[in-house]
């Protein structure tokens, strides 16, 4: 959904006869959004994508969110380093917060997927905090590195091939769609020159040769309504010879985000990177701070009465938070003012640059904690606003 892209061989017009060198017919697959009214891609398979040799309920797949008991409002902090580690991405997600629009999770896989995964419930956005590898799908092979966003469109068969056992991904399942913010595009659909990134910044998948496709698994685990189905195909889902369209997996390095600076502190909307139904995803990257001689660079205390706020802390010196380090996930619900810890607001005066790296998710509907989140929570976090906390940030692993 970034721009139109083409890989491999495609016919001159869609929905027309397209054959290989021997005269065998290729099978067209229309991969559409919003019925037939939204973005789409068209893929050309060597075999019908509808065939299977086995189908039934699955005994594998990551768990959906299960709500923890409701509790009074408080600012919360979770340590992603306590999330269960091991397994493949197919099983590795630990849901932490959720509502009708998004599920926010952490995954710490230590091995590659041995089957393809289809999320029929939403678009998946992952921020790669640790690790690197490739995402393999019918659209091709998509490489990713540490500090990349990886976007996998809803309904895409995909599997993660990891370079090593140390991986941590912060995930947002977007159940009402994912898109580039409308204010970043001109009327022609091109990214504007004043947008936060350019078309050139995105990494796109490349179709592999047929030998790699032949070695790929034939099993797909598909999730729909948080129920898992297992399908076994008679051929690899990577039997695609070409495709074009607007819907395909992409990677985006957070370092490519172009931050803005003003004379005084600008609101968090300047950090918006991607949009989803009921949520926005923001990137905090190193930048020059405000230029006014009396500016206070640290974020001001605020009450966002229509948004819940979640921040995944990645790297750097977090000027507004003490006792918070890489791997921490803060949750500030609507209804309670939040802002910098005691002392941080005053201490930021005179600073000229920020060094922090973080991902923020703001949601328009209230988020609920999951049962799994209870084991990750620092129950003393809310009390840290009571007194001034001195000293450097404490790293959370």
Protein backbone atom coordinates (compact mmCIF):
# COMPACT_ATOMS: atom_id res chain seq x y z
CA UNK A 1 0.00 0.00 0.00
CA UNK A 2 3.02 2.25 -0.55
CA UNK A 3 3.04 2.37 -4.34
CA UNK A 4 2.58 0.07 -7.33
CA UNK A 5 5.34 -2.53 -7.66
CA UNK A 6 6.06 -5.28 -10.19
CA UNK A 7 8.08 -8.47 -9.92
CA UNK A 8 8.70 -11.23 -12.47
CA UNK A 9 6.60 -11.85 -15.58
CA UNK A 10 3.04 -10.62 -16.05
CA UNK A 11 0.76 -10.46 -19.12
CA UNK A 12 -0.03 -7.24 -20.97
CA UNK A 13 -3.50 -7.05 -19.40
CA UNK A 14 -5.08 -8.62 -16.32
CA UNK A 15 -7.63 -11.45 -16.68
CA UNK A 16 -6.20 -12.61 -20.02
CA UNK A 17 -4.55 -15.83 -21.21
CA UNK A 18 -0.99 -16.16 -19.89
CA UNK A 19 1.06 -19.30 -20.60
CA UNK A 20 4.57 -20.58 -19.98
CA UNK A 21 7.02 -21.69 -22.65
CA UNK A 22 5.42 -25.14 -22.86
CA UNK A 23 1.93 -23.71 -23.30
CA UNK A 24 0.72 -24.44 -19.75
CA UNK A 25 -1.70 -21.83 -18.38
CA UNK A 26 -0.71 -19.71 -15.39
CA UNK A 27 -3.38 -19.16 -12.72
CA UNK A 28 -4.24 -15.60 -11.78
CA UNK A 29 -4.94 -14.69 -8.14
CA UNK A 30 -6.51 -11.31 -7.35
CA UNK A 31 -5.41 -10.25 -3.85
CA UNK A 32 -7.90 -7.51 -2.99
CA UNK A 33 -8.75 -5.18 -0.10
CA UNK A 34 -12.17 -3.76 0.83
CA UNK A 35 -13.89 -6.22 -1.47
CA UNK A 36 -12.96 -4.97 -4.92
CA UNK A 37 -12.97 -1.26 -4.03
CA UNK A 38 -9.56 -0.94 -2.35
CA UNK A 39 -5.90 -1.57 -3.18
CA UNK A 40 -5.05 -4.89 -4.81
CA UNK A 41 -2.30 -6.99 -6.33
CA UNK A 42 -2.52 -9.70 -8.98
CA UNK A 43 -0.28 -12.76 -8.74
CA UNK A 44 0.34 -15.45 -11.37
CA UNK A 45 0.81 -19.02 -10.08
CA UNK A 46 2.04 -22.13 -11.82
CA UNK A 47 -0.66 -24.11 -9.98
CA UNK A 48 -4.19 -23.16 -8.80
CA UNK A 49 -3.85 -21.43 -5.38
CA UNK A 50 -7.18 -22.97 -4.32
CA UNK A 51 -5.94 -26.56 -4.22
CA UNK A 52 -5.08 -28.51 -1.07
CA UNK A 53 -4.56 -32.13 -0.10
CA UNK A 54 -5.53 -31.71 3.55
CA UNK A 55 -7.45 -29.23 5.70
CA UNK A 56 -8.53 -29.23 9.33
CA UNK A 57 -8.21 -27.64 12.74
CA UNK A 58 -4.67 -26.66 13.69
CA UNK A 59 -2.73 -27.67 16.79
CA UNK A 60 -0.28 -24.76 16.44
CA UNK A 61 -0.52 -20.97 16.33
CA UNK A 62 0.01 -17.99 18.61
CA UNK A 63 -2.68 -17.31 21.19
CA UNK A 64 -5.19 -14.52 20.95
CA UNK A 65 -5.56 -12.00 23.77
CA UNK A 66 -7.35 -13.02 26.95
CA UNK A 67 -8.38 -10.11 29.17
CA UNK A 68 -7.02 -9.77 32.69
CA UNK A 69 -9.45 -8.74 35.44
CA UNK A 70 -10.35 -5.05 35.27
CA UNK A 71 -8.57 -2.81 37.73
CA UNK A 72 -8.48 0.89 38.63
CA UNK A 73 -6.67 3.25 36.27
CA UNK A 74 -2.92 3.57 36.67
CA UNK A 75 0.13 4.18 34.52
CA UNK A 76 1.75 0.82 33.80
CA UNK A 77 5.13 -0.52 32.70
CA UNK A 78 5.89 -3.94 31.22
CA UNK A 79 9.27 -5.63 30.72
CA UNK A 80 9.38 -7.35 27.34
CA UNK A 81 12.48 -9.22 28.49
CA UNK A 82 10.25 -11.31 30.77
CA UNK A 83 8.11 -12.52 27.86
CA UNK A 84 8.50 -16.23 27.08
CA UNK A 85 11.35 -16.88 24.65
CA UNK A 86 11.73 -19.66 22.11
CA UNK A 87 9.88 -21.25 19.23
CA UNK A 88 9.10 -19.83 15.82
CA UNK A 89 7.03 -16.73 14.99
CA UNK A 90 4.08 -19.05 14.38
CA UNK A 91 3.81 -19.58 18.15
CA UNK A 92 6.01 -16.90 19.72
CA UNK A 93 3.74 -13.89 20.21
CA UNK A 94 2.83 -12.81 23.74
CA UNK A 95 -0.16 -10.42 23.64
CA UNK A 96 0.08 -7.60 26.19
CA UNK A 97 -2.65 -5.03 25.38
CA UNK A 98 -5.64 -5.14 23.06
CA UNK A 99 -8.95 -3.64 21.99
CA UNK A 100 -11.31 -4.16 19.04
CA UNK A 101 -8.84 -2.50 16.66
CA UNK A 102 -5.35 -3.65 17.64
CA UNK A 103 -3.47 -6.31 19.58
CA UNK A 104 -0.04 -5.26 20.87
CA UNK A 105 2.41 -8.08 21.52
CA UNK A 106 6.03 -9.10 21.96
CA UNK A 107 7.69 -12.05 20.21
CA UNK A 108 11.04 -13.59 21.14
CA UNK A 109 11.49 -16.45 18.64
CA UNK A 110 14.72 -18.42 18.45
CA UNK A 111 14.14 -20.36 15.23
CA UNK A 112 12.73 -19.93 11.74
CA UNK A 113 9.19 -20.85 10.77
CA UNK A 114 8.83 -24.33 9.27
CA UNK A 115 5.42 -23.45 7.79
CA UNK A 116 3.64 -20.42 6.39
CA UNK A 117 1.34 -18.27 8.53
CA UNK A 118 -1.75 -16.41 7.29
CA UNK A 119 -3.23 -13.78 9.60
CA UNK A 120 -6.79 -13.41 8.33
CA UNK A 121 -7.70 -11.06 11.19
CA UNK A 122 -5.46 -8.09 10.46
CA UNK A 123 -2.38 -6.49 8.98
CA UNK A 124 0.75 -7.25 11.00
CA UNK A 125 3.28 -4.52 11.78
CA UNK A 126 6.44 -5.64 13.56
CA UNK A 127 9.26 -3.49 14.86
CA UNK A 128 12.48 -5.52 14.96
CA UNK A 129 14.21 -4.61 18.21
CA UNK A 130 16.72 -7.45 17.98
CA UNK A 131 17.59 -9.84 15.18
CA UNK A 132 17.54 -9.94 11.40
CA UNK A 133 16.48 -12.28 8.60
CA UNK A 134 13.95 -12.57 5.79
CA UNK A 135 10.22 -12.81 5.35
CA UNK A 136 9.29 -15.32 2.67
CA UNK A 137 5.91 -15.01 0.92
CA UNK A 138 4.34 -15.51 -2.53
CA UNK A 139 5.38 -11.89 -3.22
CA UNK A 140 9.04 -12.83 -2.80
CA UNK A 141 11.81 -12.61 -0.23
CA UNK A 142 11.88 -9.51 1.97
CA UNK A 143 15.10 -8.92 3.96
CA UNK A 144 14.90 -7.13 7.30
CA UNK A 145 17.41 -5.88 9.84
CA UNK A 146 17.46 -4.60 13.39
CA UNK A 147 15.33 -1.46 13.85
CA UNK A 148 13.22 -2.12 10.76
CA UNK A 149 9.46 -2.04 10.64
CA UNK A 150 8.12 -5.11 8.81
CA UNK A 151 4.59 -4.89 7.41
CA UNK A 152 2.75 -8.05 6.32
CA UNK A 153 -0.66 -7.43 4.75
CA UNK A 154 -3.69 -9.30 6.05
CA UNK A 155 -4.17 -12.69 4.39
CA UNK A 156 -0.59 -13.02 3.14
CA UNK A 157 1.07 -16.47 3.55
CA UNK A 158 4.42 -15.58 5.12
CA UNK A 159 7.15 -17.12 7.24
CA UNK A 160 10.07 -15.62 9.13
CA UNK A 161 13.53 -17.00 8.36
CA UNK A 162 15.81 -15.80 11.17
CA UNK A 163 19.57 -15.29 11.03
CA UNK A 164 20.11 -16.32 14.64
CA UNK A 165 18.46 -17.25 17.96
CA UNK A 166 18.42 -13.78 19.59
CA UNK A 167 15.33 -11.94 18.36
CA UNK A 168 12.76 -9.57 19.83
CA UNK A 169 9.89 -8.04 17.85
CA UNK A 170 7.28 -5.54 19.02
CA UNK A 171 4.05 -6.35 17.14
CA UNK A 172 0.86 -4.49 16.31
CA UNK A 173 -1.96 -6.51 14.75
CA UNK A 174 -4.14 -3.94 12.95
CA UNK A 175 -7.64 -5.38 12.63
CA UNK A 176 -9.15 -2.41 10.77
CA UNK A 177 -6.48 -1.88 8.16
CA UNK A 178 -3.06 -0.27 7.84
CA UNK A 179 -2.10 2.63 5.58
CA UNK A 180 0.21 5.55 4.97
CA UNK A 181 -1.26 8.71 6.56
CA UNK A 182 -3.33 10.60 4.01
CA UNK A 183 -1.52 13.88 4.75
CA UNK A 184 1.70 12.32 3.40
CA UNK A 185 0.28 11.88 -0.12
CA UNK A 186 -0.48 14.33 -2.93
CA UNK A 187 -3.69 14.00 -5.02
CA UNK A 188 -1.89 11.60 -7.39
CA UNK A 189 -1.07 9.24 -4.51
CA UNK A 190 2.65 9.99 -4.53
CA UNK A 191 4.40 10.67 -1.23
CA UNK A 192 4.73 14.43 -0.84
CA UNK A 193 8.14 16.12 -0.67
CA UNK A 194 7.37 17.21 2.90
CA UNK A 195 6.28 13.72 4.01
CA UNK A 196 8.21 11.97 6.77
CA UNK A 197 9.79 9.54 4.28
CA UNK A 198 10.09 8.83 0.55
CA UNK A 199 9.17 5.93 -1.72
CA UNK A 200 12.89 5.12 -1.91
CA UNK A 201 13.07 4.39 1.81
CA UNK A 202 10.98 1.20 1.64
CA UNK A 203 12.46 -2.26 1.08
CA UNK A 204 10.31 -4.45 -1.17
CA UNK A 205 10.26 -8.22 -1.76
CA UNK A 206 12.15 -9.84 -4.64
CA UNK A 207 10.94 -13.04 -6.30
CA UNK A 208 13.41 -15.92 -5.81
CA UNK A 209 14.31 -18.48 -8.44
CA UNK A 210 12.11 -21.53 -8.91
CA UNK A 211 14.57 -23.79 -7.05
CA UNK A 212 13.97 -21.92 -3.78
CA UNK A 213 10.23 -22.10 -4.31
CA UNK A 214 10.46 -25.86 -4.71
CA UNK A 215 12.21 -26.22 -1.35
CA UNK A 216 9.62 -24.21 0.60
CA UNK A 217 7.08 -25.85 2.96
CA UNK A 218 3.60 -26.73 1.69
CA UNK A 219 1.83 -26.29 5.03
CA UNK A 220 -0.08 -23.11 5.92
CA UNK A 221 -1.50 -22.20 9.34
CA UNK A 222 -4.29 -19.66 8.88
CA UNK A 223 -5.94 -17.58 11.62
CA UNK A 224 -9.42 -16.13 11.27
CA UNK A 225 -11.55 -14.99 14.20
CA UNK A 226 -8.63 -16.13 16.40
CA UNK A 227 -9.33 -19.72 15.30
CA UNK A 228 -6.55 -21.63 13.55
CA UNK A 229 -6.85 -23.85 10.45
CA UNK A 230 -4.13 -26.06 8.97
CA UNK A 231 -3.92 -26.46 5.18
CA UNK A 232 -1.51 -28.70 3.28
CA UNK A 233 -1.04 -27.81 -0.37
CA UNK A 234 0.02 -30.11 -3.22
CA UNK A 235 2.65 -27.51 -4.18
CA UNK A 236 4.55 -24.61 -2.67
CA UNK A 237 2.64 -21.31 -2.22
CA UNK A 238 5.77 -19.68 -3.67
CA UNK A 239 4.98 -20.92 -7.20
CA UNK A 240 4.46 -17.31 -8.37
CA UNK A 241 6.15 -16.26 -11.61
CA UNK A 242 5.14 -12.60 -11.43
CA UNK A 243 2.83 -10.05 -9.82
CA UNK A 244 2.00 -6.38 -9.73
CA UNK A 245 -0.07 -4.12 -7.52
CA UNK A 246 -0.24 -2.05 -4.36
CA UNK A 247 -0.56 -4.79 -1.71
CA UNK A 248 2.63 -6.60 -0.66
CA UNK A 249 4.96 -6.90 2.36
CA UNK A 250 7.47 -4.11 2.96
CA UNK A 251 10.22 -3.19 5.40
CA UNK A 252 11.00 0.34 6.56
CA UNK A 253 14.12 1.24 8.58
CA UNK A 254 13.15 3.57 11.43
CA UNK A 255 16.37 5.50 10.71
CA UNK A 256 14.78 6.66 7.43
CA UNK A 257 12.08 8.57 9.32
CA UNK A 258 12.64 12.32 8.90
CA UNK A 259 11.97 14.09 12.23
CA UNK A 260 10.73 17.67 12.49
CA UNK A 261 11.91 20.40 14.83
CA UNK A 262 10.29 23.72 15.77
CA UNK A 263 11.23 26.75 17.79
CA UNK A 264 9.23 25.32 20.70
CA UNK A 265 8.14 21.78 21.55
CA UNK A 266 5.86 20.28 18.90
CA UNK A 267 3.08 17.77 19.75
CA UNK A 268 3.56 14.02 19.25
CA UNK A 269 1.60 14.16 15.97
CA UNK A 270 4.85 15.16 14.22
CA UNK A 271 6.12 11.64 14.93
CA UNK A 272 3.22 9.83 13.20
CA UNK A 273 4.69 7.25 10.83
CA UNK A 274 1.83 4.91 9.90
CA UNK A 275 -1.91 4.87 10.46
CA UNK A 276 -4.35 2.06 11.19
CA UNK A 277 -8.05 1.84 11.90
CA UNK A 278 -8.38 3.24 15.42
CA UNK A 279 -4.65 3.79 15.95
CA UNK A 280 -1.51 5.59 14.81
CA UNK A 281 2.09 4.33 14.97
CA UNK A 282 4.78 6.91 15.76
CA UNK A 283 8.58 6.88 15.59
CA UNK A 284 10.82 8.75 18.02
CA UNK A 285 14.30 9.06 16.51
CA UNK A 286 17.37 11.15 17.37
CA UNK A 287 16.82 14.77 16.36
CA UNK A 288 17.77 18.38 17.06
CA UNK A 289 15.53 19.85 19.77
CA UNK A 290 13.66 23.15 19.89
CA UNK A 291 15.51 26.33 18.95
CA UNK A 292 13.73 28.99 21.04
CA UNK A 293 16.01 30.40 23.75
CA UNK A 294 13.40 29.65 26.43
CA UNK A 295 12.21 26.32 25.03
CA UNK A 296 11.64 23.31 27.30
CA UNK A 297 12.60 20.31 25.12
CA UNK A 298 11.09 17.64 27.39
CA UNK A 299 7.46 16.72 26.62
CA UNK A 300 4.99 18.63 28.78
CA UNK A 301 2.55 16.84 31.08
CA UNK A 302 -0.68 16.25 29.19
CA UNK A 303 -4.10 14.67 29.35
CA UNK A 304 -5.03 12.95 26.09
CA UNK A 305 -8.62 12.25 27.00
CA UNK A 306 -9.43 10.44 23.75
CA UNK A 307 -6.31 8.25 23.44
CA UNK A 308 -4.50 5.46 25.24
CA UNK A 309 -0.73 5.66 24.75
CA UNK A 310 1.79 2.80 24.51
CA UNK A 311 5.55 3.32 24.06
CA UNK A 312 8.12 0.63 23.31
CA UNK A 313 11.53 1.93 24.36
CA UNK A 314 14.30 0.82 22.00
CA UNK A 315 17.54 2.66 22.65
CA UNK A 316 19.13 5.89 23.90
CA UNK A 317 18.62 8.26 26.81
CA UNK A 318 14.92 8.73 27.52
CA UNK A 319 14.81 12.27 28.87
CA UNK A 320 11.19 12.08 30.06
CA UNK A 321 11.49 8.74 31.88
CA UNK A 322 13.76 7.60 34.69
CA UNK A 323 14.14 3.94 35.52
CA UNK A 324 13.05 3.05 32.00
CA UNK A 325 15.38 1.45 29.47
CA UNK A 326 15.48 -0.60 26.28
CA UNK A 327 12.78 -3.26 26.08
CA UNK A 328 10.34 -1.48 28.39
CA UNK A 329 6.72 -0.93 27.32
CA UNK A 330 4.82 1.89 29.03
CA UNK A 331 1.02 2.14 29.00
CA UNK A 332 -0.65 5.44 29.89
CA UNK A 333 -4.45 5.16 29.70
CA UNK A 334 -6.82 8.03 29.01
CA UNK A 335 -8.27 9.47 32.19
CA UNK A 336 -4.96 10.07 34.03
CA UNK A 337 -2.59 12.94 33.15
CA UNK A 338 0.85 11.71 32.19
CA UNK A 339 4.17 13.24 31.37
CA UNK A 340 7.83 13.33 32.38
CA UNK A 341 9.00 11.90 35.65
CA UNK A 342 9.77 14.37 38.46
CA UNK A 343 12.90 16.36 37.65
CA UNK A 344 13.05 15.44 33.95
CA UNK A 345 11.04 18.47 32.80
CA UNK A 346 13.41 20.96 34.45
CA UNK A 347 16.55 18.99 33.62
CA UNK A 348 15.86 19.10 29.88
CA UNK A 349 16.26 22.90 29.69
CA UNK A 350 19.27 23.78 27.57
CA UNK A 351 19.58 20.43 25.78
CA UNK A 352 20.11 20.67 22.04
CA UNK A 353 19.43 17.14 20.80
CA UNK A 354 17.67 13.91 21.73
CA UNK A 355 19.26 10.49 21.45
CA UNK A 356 16.22 8.30 22.11
CA UNK A 357 14.75 5.66 19.83
CA UNK A 358 11.21 4.44 20.53
CA UNK A 359 7.95 3.33 18.92
CA UNK A 360 4.61 4.72 20.12
CA UNK A 361 1.07 3.47 19.48
CA UNK A 362 -1.89 5.73 20.26
CA UNK A 363 -5.34 4.13 20.18
CA UNK A 364 -8.75 5.77 20.04
CA UNK A 365 -10.44 2.96 22.02
CA UNK A 366 -9.42 1.90 25.54
CA UNK A 367 -6.84 -0.88 25.75
CA UNK A 368 -7.17 -3.83 28.11
CA UNK A 369 -4.32 -5.80 29.66
CA UNK A 370 -4.03 -9.47 28.85
CA UNK A 371 -3.54 -12.30 31.30
CA UNK A 372 -0.04 -12.75 29.87
CA UNK A 373 0.81 -9.12 30.67
CA UNK A 374 0.41 -9.64 34.41
CA UNK A 375 3.71 -11.51 34.64
CA UNK A 376 5.55 -8.72 32.81
CA UNK A 377 4.30 -5.73 34.80
CA UNK A 378 6.27 -3.49 37.16
CA UNK A 379 3.59 -2.72 39.76
CA UNK A 380 5.59 0.18 41.26
CA UNK A 381 5.74 2.22 38.05
CA UNK A 382 2.78 4.49 38.83
CA UNK A 383 4.30 5.42 42.18
CA UNK A 384 7.49 6.69 40.50
CA UNK A 385 5.79 10.06 39.91
CA UNK A 386 5.52 10.70 43.64
CA UNK A 387 9.14 11.64 44.27
CA UNK A 388 12.06 12.83 42.23
CA UNK A 389 14.18 9.95 40.96
CA UNK A 390 17.87 10.62 40.47
CA UNK A 391 20.47 8.75 38.48
CA UNK A 392 20.73 7.11 35.07
CA UNK A 393 18.05 5.01 33.42
CA UNK A 394 17.96 1.35 34.46
CA UNK A 395 18.27 -1.01 31.53
CA UNK A 396 15.47 -3.52 31.11
CA UNK A 397 16.45 -6.66 29.25
